[in-house]
N, C-alpha and C. Protein backbone atom coordinates (compact mmCIF):
# COMPACT_ATOMS: atom_id res chain seq x y z
N UNK A 1 -13.42 160.24 -21.07
CA UNK A 1 -14.05 158.14 -21.67
C UNK A 1 -14.27 159.21 -22.86
N UNK A 2 -14.62 157.45 -23.04
CA UNK A 2 -14.20 156.86 -24.38
C UNK A 2 -15.66 157.35 -24.53
N UNK A 3 -15.82 158.52 -26.11
CA UNK A 3 -17.06 158.85 -26.67
C UNK A 3 -18.11 158.26 -27.71
N UNK A 4 -17.87 157.05 -27.58
CA UNK A 4 -19.25 156.09 -27.45
C UNK A 4 -19.62 155.59 -26.24
N UNK A 5 -18.53 155.16 -25.51
CA UNK A 5 -19.86 155.44 -24.19
C UNK A 5 -20.42 156.25 -24.12
N UNK A 6 -19.62 157.36 -23.47
CA UNK A 6 -20.67 158.09 -23.58
C UNK A 6 -22.19 159.00 -23.82
N UNK A 7 -22.17 158.55 -25.34
CA UNK A 7 -22.78 158.38 -26.08
C UNK A 7 -23.85 157.48 -26.00
N UNK A 8 -23.62 155.99 -26.15
CA UNK A 8 -23.89 154.97 -25.20
C UNK A 8 -24.81 154.97 -24.15
N UNK A 9 -24.86 156.08 -23.26
CA UNK A 9 -25.14 156.35 -21.67
C UNK A 9 -26.34 157.22 -22.32
N UNK A 10 -25.69 158.11 -23.10
CA UNK A 10 -26.98 158.87 -23.01
C UNK A 10 -27.76 158.81 -23.77
N UNK A 11 -27.79 157.38 -25.10
CA UNK A 11 -28.79 156.97 -25.29
C UNK A 11 -29.56 156.44 -24.48
N UNK A 12 -29.40 155.78 -23.99
CA UNK A 12 -29.69 154.77 -22.46
C UNK A 12 -30.49 155.90 -21.53
N UNK A 13 -30.05 156.80 -21.00
CA UNK A 13 -31.18 157.62 -20.68
C UNK A 13 -32.32 157.83 -21.41
N UNK A 14 -31.48 158.85 -21.93
CA UNK A 14 -33.04 159.29 -23.30
C UNK A 14 -34.06 158.13 -23.37
N UNK A 15 -34.08 156.70 -23.68
CA UNK A 15 -34.95 155.33 -23.58
C UNK A 15 -35.16 155.32 -22.06
N UNK A 16 -34.53 155.67 -21.37
CA UNK A 16 -35.08 155.11 -19.24
C UNK A 16 -35.87 156.68 -19.57
N UNK A 17 -35.90 158.10 -19.58
CA UNK A 17 -36.94 159.43 -19.41
C UNK A 17 -37.80 158.40 -20.50
N UNK A 18 -37.93 158.02 -21.74
CA UNK A 18 -38.59 158.04 -22.82
C UNK A 18 -39.68 157.06 -22.25
N UNK A 19 -39.68 156.08 -21.14
CA UNK A 19 -40.46 154.85 -20.66
C UNK A 19 -41.21 155.46 -19.74
N UNK A 20 -40.01 156.40 -18.85
CA UNK A 20 -40.59 156.82 -17.73
C UNK A 20 -41.90 157.57 -17.87
N UNK A 21 -41.51 158.72 -19.12
CA UNK A 21 -42.65 159.47 -19.17
C UNK A 21 -44.15 159.37 -20.07
N UNK A 22 -43.78 158.24 -21.59
CA UNK A 22 -45.14 157.50 -21.77
C UNK A 22 -45.86 156.59 -20.70
N UNK A 23 -44.55 155.72 -19.84
CA UNK A 23 -45.14 154.90 -19.58
C UNK A 23 -46.24 155.37 -18.34
N UNK A 24 -45.26 156.54 -17.77
CA UNK A 24 -46.65 157.19 -16.58
C UNK A 24 -47.36 157.86 -17.22
N UNK A 25 -47.76 158.23 -18.12
CA UNK A 25 -48.81 158.34 -19.14
C UNK A 25 -49.36 157.91 -19.72
N UNK A 26 -49.39 156.33 -19.70
CA UNK A 26 -50.33 155.44 -19.84
C UNK A 26 -50.76 155.07 -18.62
N UNK A 27 -49.90 155.19 -17.51
CA UNK A 27 -50.81 154.69 -16.16
C UNK A 27 -51.64 155.32 -15.53
N UNK A 28 -51.43 157.05 -15.94
CA UNK A 28 -52.59 158.08 -14.89
C UNK A 28 -53.49 157.98 -16.12
N UNK A 29 -53.28 157.61 -17.57
CA UNK A 29 -54.79 157.72 -18.66
C UNK A 29 -55.87 156.72 -17.72
N UNK A 30 -54.79 155.72 -17.74
CA UNK A 30 -55.31 154.73 -17.63
C UNK A 30 -56.55 154.56 -15.60
N UNK A 31 -55.62 155.74 -15.00
CA UNK A 31 -56.81 156.06 -13.45
C UNK A 31 -57.05 156.80 -13.31
N UNK A 32 -57.38 157.66 -14.77
CA UNK A 32 -57.59 158.97 -14.65
C UNK A 32 -59.37 158.34 -15.42
N UNK A 33 -59.67 157.56 -16.40
CA UNK A 33 -60.57 157.14 -16.95
C UNK A 33 -61.49 156.22 -15.25
N UNK A 34 -61.13 155.93 -14.24
CA UNK A 34 -61.94 155.71 -13.30
C UNK A 34 -62.04 156.10 -12.96
N UNK A 35 -61.66 158.18 -12.22
CA UNK A 35 -61.96 157.69 -11.83
C UNK A 35 -62.95 159.35 -11.12
N UNK A 36 -63.33 159.76 -10.18
CA UNK A 36 -63.98 160.52 -10.61
C UNK A 36 -64.43 162.53 -11.23
N UNK A 37 -62.49 162.80 -10.37
CA UNK A 37 -61.71 163.55 -11.55
C UNK A 37 -61.23 164.04 -11.80
N UNK A 38 -60.69 163.41 -13.39
CA UNK A 38 -59.70 163.51 -13.21
C UNK A 38 -58.37 163.86 -13.75
N UNK A 39 -59.25 165.83 -13.97
CA UNK A 39 -58.71 166.50 -13.64
C UNK A 39 -56.67 166.35 -12.30
N UNK A 40 -57.31 165.75 -11.70
CA UNK A 40 -56.60 165.17 -10.18
C UNK A 40 -55.87 164.53 -10.52
N UNK A 41 -55.50 163.64 -11.31
CA UNK A 41 -54.61 162.44 -11.75
C UNK A 41 -53.76 163.57 -13.48
N UNK A 42 -54.14 163.67 -13.91
CA UNK A 42 -53.68 164.36 -15.13
C UNK A 42 -53.09 165.59 -15.21
N UNK A 43 -53.10 166.75 -14.50
CA UNK A 43 -52.00 168.01 -13.96
C UNK A 43 -50.79 167.55 -13.40
N UNK A 44 -51.24 167.42 -11.71
CA UNK A 44 -49.95 166.67 -11.66
C UNK A 44 -49.35 166.02 -12.01
N UNK A 45 -49.82 164.91 -12.75
CA UNK A 45 -48.97 164.15 -13.57
C UNK A 45 -48.43 164.65 -14.76
N UNK A 46 -48.41 165.81 -15.31
CA UNK A 46 -48.18 166.50 -16.84
C UNK A 46 -47.04 167.04 -15.67
N UNK A 47 -47.54 167.72 -14.99
CA UNK A 47 -46.21 168.41 -14.09
C UNK A 47 -45.47 167.93 -13.36
N UNK A 48 -45.02 167.10 -13.17
CA UNK A 48 -44.46 166.04 -12.47
C UNK A 48 -43.40 164.46 -13.84
N UNK A 49 -44.15 164.34 -14.90
CA UNK A 49 -43.44 163.49 -15.59
C UNK A 49 -42.66 164.64 -16.68
N UNK A 50 -43.58 166.43 -16.73
CA UNK A 50 -42.18 167.08 -17.25
C UNK A 50 -41.40 167.43 -17.14
N UNK A 51 -41.07 167.96 -15.17
CA UNK A 51 -40.39 168.61 -15.17
C UNK A 51 -39.20 167.61 -15.15
N UNK A 52 -39.10 165.92 -14.28
CA UNK A 52 -38.33 165.30 -14.93
C UNK A 52 -37.89 164.84 -16.27
N UNK A 53 -38.54 164.36 -16.51
CA UNK A 53 -38.14 164.23 -17.62
C UNK A 53 -36.92 165.77 -18.32
N UNK A 54 -37.38 167.28 -18.31
CA UNK A 54 -37.02 168.10 -18.45
C UNK A 54 -35.70 168.05 -18.46
N UNK A 55 -35.87 167.69 -16.14
CA UNK A 55 -34.55 167.93 -15.62
C UNK A 55 -33.51 166.67 -16.21
N UNK A 56 -34.34 165.56 -16.52
CA UNK A 56 -33.13 164.72 -17.26
C UNK A 56 -32.49 165.45 -18.16
N UNK A 57 -32.96 165.35 -19.59
CA UNK A 57 -32.80 166.55 -20.50
C UNK A 57 -31.11 167.32 -20.70
N UNK A 58 -31.34 167.95 -19.66
CA UNK A 58 -30.79 169.37 -18.88
C UNK A 58 -29.55 168.76 -18.60
N UNK A 59 -29.35 167.83 -17.72
CA UNK A 59 -28.15 166.92 -16.68
C UNK A 59 -27.55 165.73 -18.03
N UNK A 60 -28.26 165.44 -18.49
CA UNK A 60 -27.75 164.87 -19.56
C UNK A 60 -26.89 164.87 -21.02
N UNK A 61 -27.84 165.96 -21.44
CA UNK A 61 -26.88 167.20 -22.15
C UNK A 61 -25.56 168.29 -22.28
N UNK A 62 -25.74 168.65 -21.01
CA UNK A 62 -24.34 168.78 -20.56
C UNK A 62 -23.99 170.11 -20.88
N UNK A 63 -24.72 171.29 -21.82
CA UNK A 63 -24.41 171.75 -22.48
C UNK A 63 -24.00 171.44 -24.00
N UNK A 64 -24.10 169.77 -24.53
CA UNK A 64 -23.71 169.04 -25.42
C UNK A 64 -24.74 169.43 -26.49
N UNK A 65 -25.01 169.13 -27.51
CA UNK A 65 -26.13 169.50 -28.37
C UNK A 65 -25.66 167.53 -29.15
N UNK A 66 -25.15 167.36 -29.36
CA UNK A 66 -24.85 166.25 -29.61
C UNK A 66 -25.69 165.33 -28.29
N UNK A 67 -25.26 165.54 -27.32
CA UNK A 67 -25.90 164.45 -26.92
C UNK A 67 -27.91 164.19 -26.74
N UNK A 68 -27.74 165.90 -26.21
CA UNK A 68 -29.78 166.61 -26.10
C UNK A 68 -29.38 165.76 -27.38
N UNK A 69 -29.46 165.67 -28.86
CA UNK A 69 -29.93 164.82 -29.77
C UNK A 69 -30.19 162.96 -29.73
N UNK A 70 -28.73 162.42 -29.12
CA UNK A 70 -29.14 161.47 -28.54
C UNK A 70 -29.82 160.62 -27.11
N UNK A 71 -29.87 161.82 -26.42
CA UNK A 71 -30.86 160.95 -25.64
C UNK A 71 -32.62 161.65 -25.69
N UNK A 72 -32.68 162.76 -27.17
CA UNK A 72 -33.71 162.35 -28.10
C UNK A 72 -34.45 161.83 -28.78
N UNK A 73 -33.52 160.71 -29.47
CA UNK A 73 -33.32 159.97 -30.11
C UNK A 73 -34.33 158.43 -29.33
N UNK A 74 -33.09 158.41 -27.77
CA UNK A 74 -33.89 157.42 -26.99
C UNK A 74 -34.53 157.38 -26.86
N UNK A 75 -35.27 159.28 -26.42
CA UNK A 75 -36.53 159.24 -25.47
C UNK A 75 -38.10 158.94 -26.94
N UNK A 76 -37.38 158.94 -28.70
CA UNK A 76 -38.26 158.82 -29.15
C UNK A 76 -39.03 157.20 -29.58
N UNK A 77 -37.93 156.62 -29.60
CA UNK A 77 -37.35 154.91 -28.67
C UNK A 77 -38.46 154.54 -28.47
N UNK A 78 -38.38 155.57 -27.72
CA UNK A 78 -39.07 154.53 -25.91
C UNK A 78 -40.57 155.01 -25.94
N UNK A 79 -40.83 155.46 -26.85
CA UNK A 79 -42.25 156.24 -27.62
C UNK A 79 -43.26 154.39 -28.23
N UNK A 80 -42.31 154.37 -29.04
CA UNK A 80 -42.00 152.93 -30.14
C UNK A 80 -42.28 152.08 -28.98
N UNK A 81 -41.20 151.39 -27.71
CA UNK A 81 -41.66 150.68 -27.50
C UNK A 81 -43.06 150.42 -26.07
N UNK A 82 -43.38 152.03 -25.34
CA UNK A 82 -44.62 152.01 -24.81
C UNK A 82 -45.55 151.11 -25.65
N UNK A 83 -45.91 152.20 -26.65
CA UNK A 83 -46.63 151.70 -27.36
C UNK A 83 -46.88 150.44 -27.68
N UNK A 84 -45.45 149.93 -28.32
CA UNK A 84 -46.30 148.04 -28.96
C UNK A 84 -46.58 147.49 -27.28
N UNK A 85 -46.37 147.84 -26.98
CA UNK A 85 -46.41 146.94 -25.00
C UNK A 85 -47.57 147.06 -24.62
N UNK A 86 -48.26 148.25 -24.52
CA UNK A 86 -49.21 149.01 -24.13
C UNK A 86 -51.02 149.28 -24.77
N UNK A 87 -50.40 148.13 -26.02
CA UNK A 87 -51.37 147.13 -26.97
C UNK A 87 -52.24 146.24 -26.51
N UNK A 88 -53.30 146.86 -26.93
CA UNK A 88 -54.37 145.82 -26.13
C UNK A 88 -54.63 144.36 -27.62
N UNK A 89 -54.99 143.40 -27.01
CA UNK A 89 -55.07 141.88 -28.07
C UNK A 89 -55.85 142.70 -29.17
N UNK A 90 -56.48 142.96 -29.27
CA UNK A 90 -58.08 143.78 -29.97
C UNK A 90 -57.10 144.32 -31.15
N UNK A 91 -56.28 145.56 -30.43
CA UNK A 91 -55.71 146.68 -31.55
C UNK A 91 -54.70 145.67 -32.31
N UNK A 92 -53.33 144.52 -31.62
CA UNK A 92 -53.01 143.92 -32.44
C UNK A 92 -53.54 142.92 -33.86
N UNK A 93 -54.43 142.31 -33.22
CA UNK A 93 -55.22 141.86 -34.09
C UNK A 93 -55.52 142.51 -35.27
N UNK A 94 -56.55 143.58 -34.83
CA UNK A 94 -57.04 144.64 -36.80
C UNK A 94 -56.00 144.94 -36.45
N UNK A 95 -55.17 146.35 -36.34
CA UNK A 95 -53.88 146.55 -36.81
C UNK A 95 -54.41 147.43 -38.04
N UNK A 96 -53.52 148.75 -38.49
CA UNK A 96 -53.73 150.24 -38.78
C UNK A 96 -54.13 150.43 -40.30
N UNK A 97 -54.73 149.18 -40.42
CA UNK A 97 -55.03 149.67 -41.87
C UNK A 97 -56.78 149.18 -42.43
N UNK A 98 -57.36 148.74 -41.26
CA UNK A 98 -58.09 148.93 -40.82
C UNK A 98 -58.93 150.21 -40.03
N UNK A 99 -59.64 150.71 -40.58
CA UNK A 99 -60.06 152.10 -40.12
C UNK A 99 -61.69 152.05 -39.27
N UNK A 100 -60.85 152.96 -37.54
CA UNK A 100 -62.01 153.15 -36.28
C UNK A 100 -62.56 153.27 -36.83
N UNK A 101 -63.33 152.96 -35.77
CA UNK A 101 -65.60 154.09 -36.25
C UNK A 101 -65.25 154.60 -34.62
N UNK A 102 -66.26 155.53 -34.88
CA UNK A 102 -66.21 156.74 -34.39
C UNK A 102 -67.48 156.99 -33.53
N UNK A 103 -67.98 157.57 -33.11
CA UNK A 103 -68.57 157.82 -31.82
C UNK A 103 -69.68 158.72 -32.36
N UNK A 104 -71.33 159.15 -33.02
CA UNK A 104 -71.83 159.88 -34.24
C UNK A 104 -72.03 160.55 -33.47
C-alpha cells in the first residue's frame, strides 16, 4: 500500500482518537459538575478513555515509530479542535489577552 495513504490514515486515526478522548473528557466534566458523586463519573471515564486511546495507538502504530508520531500529531490536533468547538460564547469574546479572575 502507498506510504502516503498509510500516513494519512494513521493521522486520521489519531484525529479520531483525540476527538474521542478530549470530547469524552469535556462531556465527563460537564456531567460530573451536576452529579452528587463526581468521582463515579471521572474515574471510570478516565480508565475507559485511556484504555481506548492506548489500544488505538498500539494498533495503529503496528511497531513503526513514524506511524506513532503521525497518530500523536492527529491526537494533538484533535485537542485543539475540541477546545475551539467547546468554547463558550463568553470565552470566545474575551480572548486570551484578558486575565481571568480567581476566587478569593
